[in-house]
Amino acid sequence: MGNAAILALRVVITLALLGSVLVQAVMMPLVWADLEGTDDGLRATFIVILISQVVTLQICAICVWRLATMVRRGSVFSTAAFRYVDTIIGAVLLAAVLTGSIAFLLAPGSTPPGVVGLVCGAALVIGGVALIVVVLRQVLAQAVASADEVQHLQSELNEVV
């Protein structure tokens, strides 16, 4: 990944993080106000779920930033990268569960079944994204193993020479 791509990625991540803070600070109180008249327990649960989903986005953004830094430094093919990839997998899985829980909260109310189905579909797609990252983690593991093997063979060759 070139420096221009990493710079563009960092700009996008910065904008996403700033936007997510704006959502937490401005939009969540507005959603709270829009839910006036709703059961307070349901209202609070809904807001907590939404804020938690924004936090999962923030976690993923920070981990991708760290991975991009490792790419720029040429150190991404190391075991240190797994910590960030595993964190992304966990955050995306949590986002899928949180999205599914929104469908669960909407189902008994007056929400049309199609909307509940769409939210369930979104939860499924988000879970699919986590599976894609799991596959990419396996690709990273193979690359790290290959890099280790190359390093081992290089050291053996150096001993022979």
C-alpha atoms as a PDB file:
ATOM      1  CA  MET A   1       0.000   0.000   0.000  1.00  0.00           C
ATOM      2  CA  GLY A   2       1.518   3.303  -1.073  1.00  0.00           C
ATOM      3  CA  ASN A   3       1.894   6.400   1.030  1.00  0.00           C
ATOM      4  CA  ALA A   4      -0.928   8.128  -0.870  1.00  0.00           C
ATOM      5  CA  ALA A   5      -3.320   5.268  -0.131  1.00  0.00           C
ATOM      6  CA  ILE A   6      -2.367   5.251   3.538  1.00  0.00           C
ATOM      7  CA  LEU A   7      -2.832   9.016   3.712  1.00  0.00           C
ATOM      8  CA  ALA A   8      -6.259   8.736   2.053  1.00  0.00           C
ATOM      9  CA  LEU A   9      -7.208   5.944   4.456  1.00  0.00           C
ATOM     10  CA  ARG A  10      -6.161   8.062   7.422  1.00  0.00           C
ATOM     11  CA  VAL A  11      -8.240  10.984   6.154  1.00  0.00           C
ATOM     12  CA  VAL A  12     -11.280   8.704   5.838  1.00  0.00           C
ATOM     13  CA  ILE A  13     -10.682   7.217   9.300  1.00  0.00           C
ATOM     14  CA  THR A  14     -10.268  10.683  10.824  1.00  0.00           C
ATOM     15  CA  LEU A  15     -13.509  11.865   9.239  1.00  0.00           C
ATOM     16  CA  ALA A  16     -15.304   8.711  10.385  1.00  0.00           C
ATOM     17  CA  LEU A  17     -14.056   9.160  13.953  1.00  0.00           C
ATOM     18  CA  LEU A  18     -15.023  12.831  14.004  1.00  0.00           C
ATOM     19  CA  GLY A  19     -18.428  11.959  12.570  1.00  0.00           C
ATOM     20  CA  SER A  20     -18.913   9.212  15.131  1.00  0.00           C
ATOM     21  CA  VAL A  21     -18.147  11.592  17.994  1.00  0.00           C
ATOM     22  CA  LEU A  22     -20.642  14.033  16.481  1.00  0.00           C
ATOM     23  CA  VAL A  23     -23.229  11.240  16.348  1.00  0.00           C
ATOM     24  CA  GLN A  24     -22.595  10.390  19.995  1.00  0.00           C
ATOM     25  CA  ALA A  25     -22.676  14.005  21.164  1.00  0.00           C
ATOM     26  CA  VAL A  26     -25.482  15.435  19.010  1.00  0.00           C
ATOM     27  CA  MET A  27     -27.534  12.692  17.395  1.00  0.00           C
ATOM     28  CA  MET A  28     -27.979  10.404  20.395  1.00  0.00           C
ATOM     29  CA  PRO A  29     -29.605  13.125  22.527  1.00  0.00           C
ATOM     30  CA  LEU A  30     -31.884  13.885  19.560  1.00  0.00           C
ATOM     31  CA  VAL A  31     -32.813  10.212  19.210  1.00  0.00           C
ATOM     32  CA  TRP A  32     -33.462  10.141  22.969  1.00  0.00           C
ATOM     33  CA  ALA A  33     -35.808  13.105  22.572  1.00  0.00           C
ATOM     34  CA  ASP A  34     -37.526  11.505  19.557  1.00  0.00           C
ATOM     35  CA  LEU A  35     -38.256   8.426  21.663  1.00  0.00           C
ATOM     36  CA  GLU A  36     -40.237  10.533  24.162  1.00  0.00           C
ATOM     37  CA  GLY A  37     -43.279   8.593  25.286  1.00  0.00           C
ATOM     38  CA  THR A  38     -41.559   5.242  24.822  1.00  0.00           C
ATOM     39  CA  ASP A  39     -41.017   3.010  27.848  1.00  0.00           C
ATOM     40  CA  ASP A  40     -37.936   4.406  29.629  1.00  0.00           C
ATOM     41  CA  GLY A  41     -36.282   0.996  29.887  1.00  0.00           C
ATOM     42  CA  LEU A  42     -36.720   0.345  26.168  1.00  0.00           C
ATOM     43  CA  ARG A  43     -35.615   3.876  25.374  1.00  0.00           C
ATOM     44  CA  ALA A  44     -32.433   3.561  27.430  1.00  0.00           C
ATOM     45  CA  THR A  45     -31.683   0.104  26.015  1.00  0.00           C
ATOM     46  CA  PHE A  46     -32.071   1.382  22.475  1.00  0.00           C
ATOM     47  CA  ILE A  47     -29.735   4.342  23.094  1.00  0.00           C
ATOM     48  CA  VAL A  48     -27.133   2.131  24.803  1.00  0.00           C
ATOM     49  CA  ILE A  49     -27.201  -0.254  21.827  1.00  0.00           C
ATOM     50  CA  LEU A  50     -26.800   2.606  19.341  1.00  0.00           C
ATOM     51  CA  ILE A  51     -23.923   4.158  21.273  1.00  0.00           C
ATOM     52  CA  SER A  52     -22.283   0.727  21.568  1.00  0.00           C
ATOM     53  CA  GLN A  53     -22.531   0.276  17.815  1.00  0.00           C
ATOM     54  CA  VAL A  54     -20.775   3.593  17.282  1.00  0.00           C
ATOM     55  CA  VAL A  55     -18.056   2.451  19.706  1.00  0.00           C
ATOM     56  CA  THR A  56     -17.545  -0.732  17.646  1.00  0.00           C
ATOM     57  CA  LEU A  57     -16.972   1.473  14.592  1.00  0.00           C
ATOM     58  CA  GLN A  58     -14.465   3.562  16.537  1.00  0.00           C
ATOM     59  CA  ILE A  59     -12.602   0.462  17.705  1.00  0.00           C
ATOM     60  CA  CYS A  60     -12.382  -0.855  14.148  1.00  0.00           C
ATOM     61  CA  ALA A  61     -11.182   2.516  12.874  1.00  0.00           C
ATOM     62  CA  ILE A  62      -8.394   2.702  15.448  1.00  0.00           C
ATOM     63  CA  CYS A  63      -7.297  -0.872  14.705  1.00  0.00           C
ATOM     64  CA  VAL A  64      -7.254  -0.213  10.946  1.00  0.00           C
ATOM     65  CA  TRP A  65      -5.190   2.926  11.611  1.00  0.00           C
ATOM     66  CA  ARG A  66      -2.676   0.846  13.576  1.00  0.00           C
ATOM     67  CA  LEU A  67      -2.557  -1.798  10.825  1.00  0.00           C
ATOM     68  CA  ALA A  68      -1.998   0.912   8.198  1.00  0.00           C
ATOM     69  CA  THR A  69       0.886   2.198  10.301  1.00  0.00           C
ATOM     70  CA  MET A  70       2.340  -1.305  10.380  1.00  0.00           C
ATOM     71  CA  VAL A  71       1.972  -1.529   6.591  1.00  0.00           C
ATOM     72  CA  ARG A  72       3.785   1.782   6.153  1.00  0.00           C
ATOM     73  CA  ARG A  73       6.611   0.571   8.397  1.00  0.00           C
ATOM     74  CA  GLY A  74       6.754  -2.813   6.657  1.00  0.00           C
ATOM     75  CA  SER A  75       5.968  -4.716   9.854  1.00  0.00           C
ATOM     76  CA  VAL A  76       2.420  -5.900   9.175  1.00  0.00           C
ATOM     77  CA  PHE A  77       3.540  -9.481   8.489  1.00  0.00           C
ATOM     78  CA  SER A  78       4.217 -10.147  12.143  1.00  0.00           C
ATOM     79  CA  THR A  79       2.347 -11.666  15.045  1.00  0.00           C
ATOM     80  CA  ALA A  80       1.754  -8.161  16.435  1.00  0.00           C
ATOM     81  CA  ALA A  81      -0.810  -7.560  13.663  1.00  0.00           C
ATOM     82  CA  PHE A  82      -3.030 -10.368  14.961  1.00  0.00           C
ATOM     83  CA  ARG A  83      -3.973  -8.342  18.031  1.00  0.00           C
ATOM     84  CA  TYR A  84      -5.561  -5.653  15.859  1.00  0.00           C
ATOM     85  CA  VAL A  85      -7.190  -8.093  13.436  1.00  0.00           C
ATOM     86  CA  ASP A  86      -8.658 -10.108  16.318  1.00  0.00           C
ATOM     87  CA  THR A  87      -9.983  -6.914  17.893  1.00  0.00           C
ATOM     88  CA  ILE A  88     -11.644  -5.967  14.593  1.00  0.00           C
ATOM     89  CA  ILE A  89     -13.251  -9.417  14.379  1.00  0.00           C
ATOM     90  CA  GLY A  90     -14.608  -9.088  17.919  1.00  0.00           C
ATOM     91  CA  ALA A  91     -15.914  -5.562  17.320  1.00  0.00           C
ATOM     92  CA  VAL A  92     -17.656  -6.538  14.081  1.00  0.00           C
ATOM     93  CA  LEU A  93     -19.220  -9.593  15.719  1.00  0.00           C
ATOM     94  CA  LEU A  94     -20.429  -7.395  18.566  1.00  0.00           C
ATOM     95  CA  ALA A  95     -21.907  -4.971  16.019  1.00  0.00           C
ATOM     96  CA  ALA A  96     -23.771  -7.886  14.408  1.00  0.00           C
ATOM     97  CA  VAL A  97     -25.180  -8.980  17.766  1.00  0.00           C
ATOM     98  CA  LEU A  98     -26.152  -5.404  18.633  1.00  0.00           C
ATOM     99  CA  THR A  99     -27.913  -5.011  15.291  1.00  0.00           C
ATOM    100  CA  GLY A 100     -29.777  -8.254  15.886  1.00  0.00           C
ATOM    101  CA  SER A 101     -30.806  -6.999  19.303  1.00  0.00           C
ATOM    102  CA  ILE A 102     -32.339  -3.916  17.691  1.00  0.00           C
ATOM    103  CA  ALA A 103     -34.518  -6.235  15.610  1.00  0.00           C
ATOM    104  CA  PHE A 104     -35.446  -8.056  18.799  1.00  0.00           C
ATOM    105  CA  LEU A 105     -36.478  -4.749  20.410  1.00  0.00           C
ATOM    106  CA  LEU A 106     -38.474  -3.657  17.367  1.00  0.00           C
ATOM    107  CA  ALA A 107     -40.300  -6.951  16.780  1.00  0.00           C
ATOM    108  CA  PRO A 108     -42.974  -6.797  19.505  1.00  0.00           C
ATOM    109  CA  GLY A 109     -43.949  -3.187  18.747  1.00  0.00           C
ATOM    110  CA  SER A 110     -45.778  -1.615  15.861  1.00  0.00           C
ATOM    111  CA  THR A 111     -42.747  -1.811  13.581  1.00  0.00           C
ATOM    112  CA  PRO A 112     -43.627  -3.432  10.262  1.00  0.00           C
ATOM    113  CA  PRO A 113     -42.279  -6.989   9.939  1.00  0.00           C
ATOM    114  CA  GLY A 114     -40.395  -6.017   6.789  1.00  0.00           C
ATOM    115  CA  VAL A 115     -38.370  -3.457   8.716  1.00  0.00           C
ATOM    116  CA  VAL A 116     -37.549  -6.032  11.391  1.00  0.00           C
ATOM    117  CA  GLY A 117     -36.535  -8.432   8.608  1.00  0.00           C
ATOM    118  CA  LEU A 118     -34.280  -5.793   7.067  1.00  0.00           C
ATOM    119  CA  VAL A 119     -32.582  -5.185  10.400  1.00  0.00           C
ATOM    120  CA  CYS A 120     -32.089  -8.953  10.788  1.00  0.00           C
ATOM    121  CA  GLY A 121     -30.618  -9.042   7.286  1.00  0.00           C
ATOM    122  CA  ALA A 122     -28.255  -6.209   8.200  1.00  0.00           C
ATOM    123  CA  ALA A 123     -27.150  -8.176  11.277  1.00  0.00           C
ATOM    124  CA  LEU A 124     -26.471 -11.183   9.057  1.00  0.00           C
ATOM    125  CA  VAL A 125     -24.442  -9.105   6.595  1.00  0.00           C
ATOM    126  CA  ILE A 126     -22.423  -7.549   9.419  1.00  0.00           C
ATOM    127  CA  GLY A 127     -21.709 -11.048  10.733  1.00  0.00           C
ATOM    128  CA  GLY A 128     -20.603 -11.951   7.201  1.00  0.00           C
ATOM    129  CA  VAL A 129     -18.124  -9.078   7.282  1.00  0.00           C
ATOM    130  CA  ALA A 130     -16.655 -10.596  10.447  1.00  0.00           C
ATOM    131  CA  LEU A 131     -16.256 -13.894   8.596  1.00  0.00           C
ATOM    132  CA  ILE A 132     -14.468 -12.101   5.751  1.00  0.00           C
ATOM    133  CA  VAL A 133     -12.044 -10.620   8.267  1.00  0.00           C
ATOM    134  CA  VAL A 134     -11.538 -14.125   9.737  1.00  0.00           C
ATOM    135  CA  VAL A 135     -10.552 -15.369   6.264  1.00  0.00           C
ATOM    136  CA  LEU A 136      -8.214 -12.400   5.813  1.00  0.00           C
ATOM    137  CA  ARG A 137      -6.712 -13.212   9.207  1.00  0.00           C
ATOM    138  CA  GLN A 138      -5.939 -16.704   7.905  1.00  0.00           C
ATOM    139  CA  VAL A 139      -4.267 -15.151   4.847  1.00  0.00           C
ATOM    140  CA  LEU A 140      -2.202 -12.978   7.192  1.00  0.00           C
ATOM    141  CA  ALA A 141      -1.264 -16.052   9.243  1.00  0.00           C
ATOM    142  CA  GLN A 142      -0.044 -17.816   6.101  1.00  0.00           C
ATOM    143  CA  ALA A 143       1.952 -14.745   5.070  1.00  0.00           C
ATOM    144  CA  VAL A 144       3.542 -14.511   8.526  1.00  0.00           C
ATOM    145  CA  ALA A 145       4.411 -18.219   8.424  1.00  0.00           C
ATOM    146  CA  SER A 146       5.930 -17.803   4.955  1.00  0.00           C
ATOM    147  CA  ALA A 147       7.943 -14.787   6.097  1.00  0.00           C
ATOM    148  CA  ASP A 148       9.208 -16.758   9.095  1.00  0.00           C
ATOM    149  CA  GLU A 149      10.161 -19.663   6.820  1.00  0.00           C
ATOM    150  CA  VAL A 150      12.000 -17.333   4.452  1.00  0.00           C
ATOM    151  CA  GLN A 151      13.865 -15.813   7.384  1.00  0.00           C
ATOM    152  CA  HIS A 152      14.784 -19.273   8.672  1.00  0.00           C
ATOM    153  CA  LEU A 153      16.015 -20.399   5.248  1.00  0.00           C
ATOM    154  CA  GLN A 154      17.979 -17.165   4.853  1.00  0.00           C
ATOM    155  CA  SER A 155      19.722 -17.711   8.187  1.00  0.00           C
ATOM    156  CA  GLU A 156      20.581 -21.311   7.212  1.00  0.00           C
ATOM    157  CA  LEU A 157      21.948 -20.075   3.886  1.00  0.00           C
ATOM    158  CA  ASN A 158      24.031 -17.462   5.674  1.00  0.00           C
ATOM    159  CA  GLU A 159      25.527 -20.170   7.893  1.00  0.00           C
ATOM    160  CA  VAL A 160      26.456 -22.275   4.865  1.00  0.00           C
ATOM    161  CA  VAL A 161      28.037 -19.333   3.078  1.00  0.00           C
END
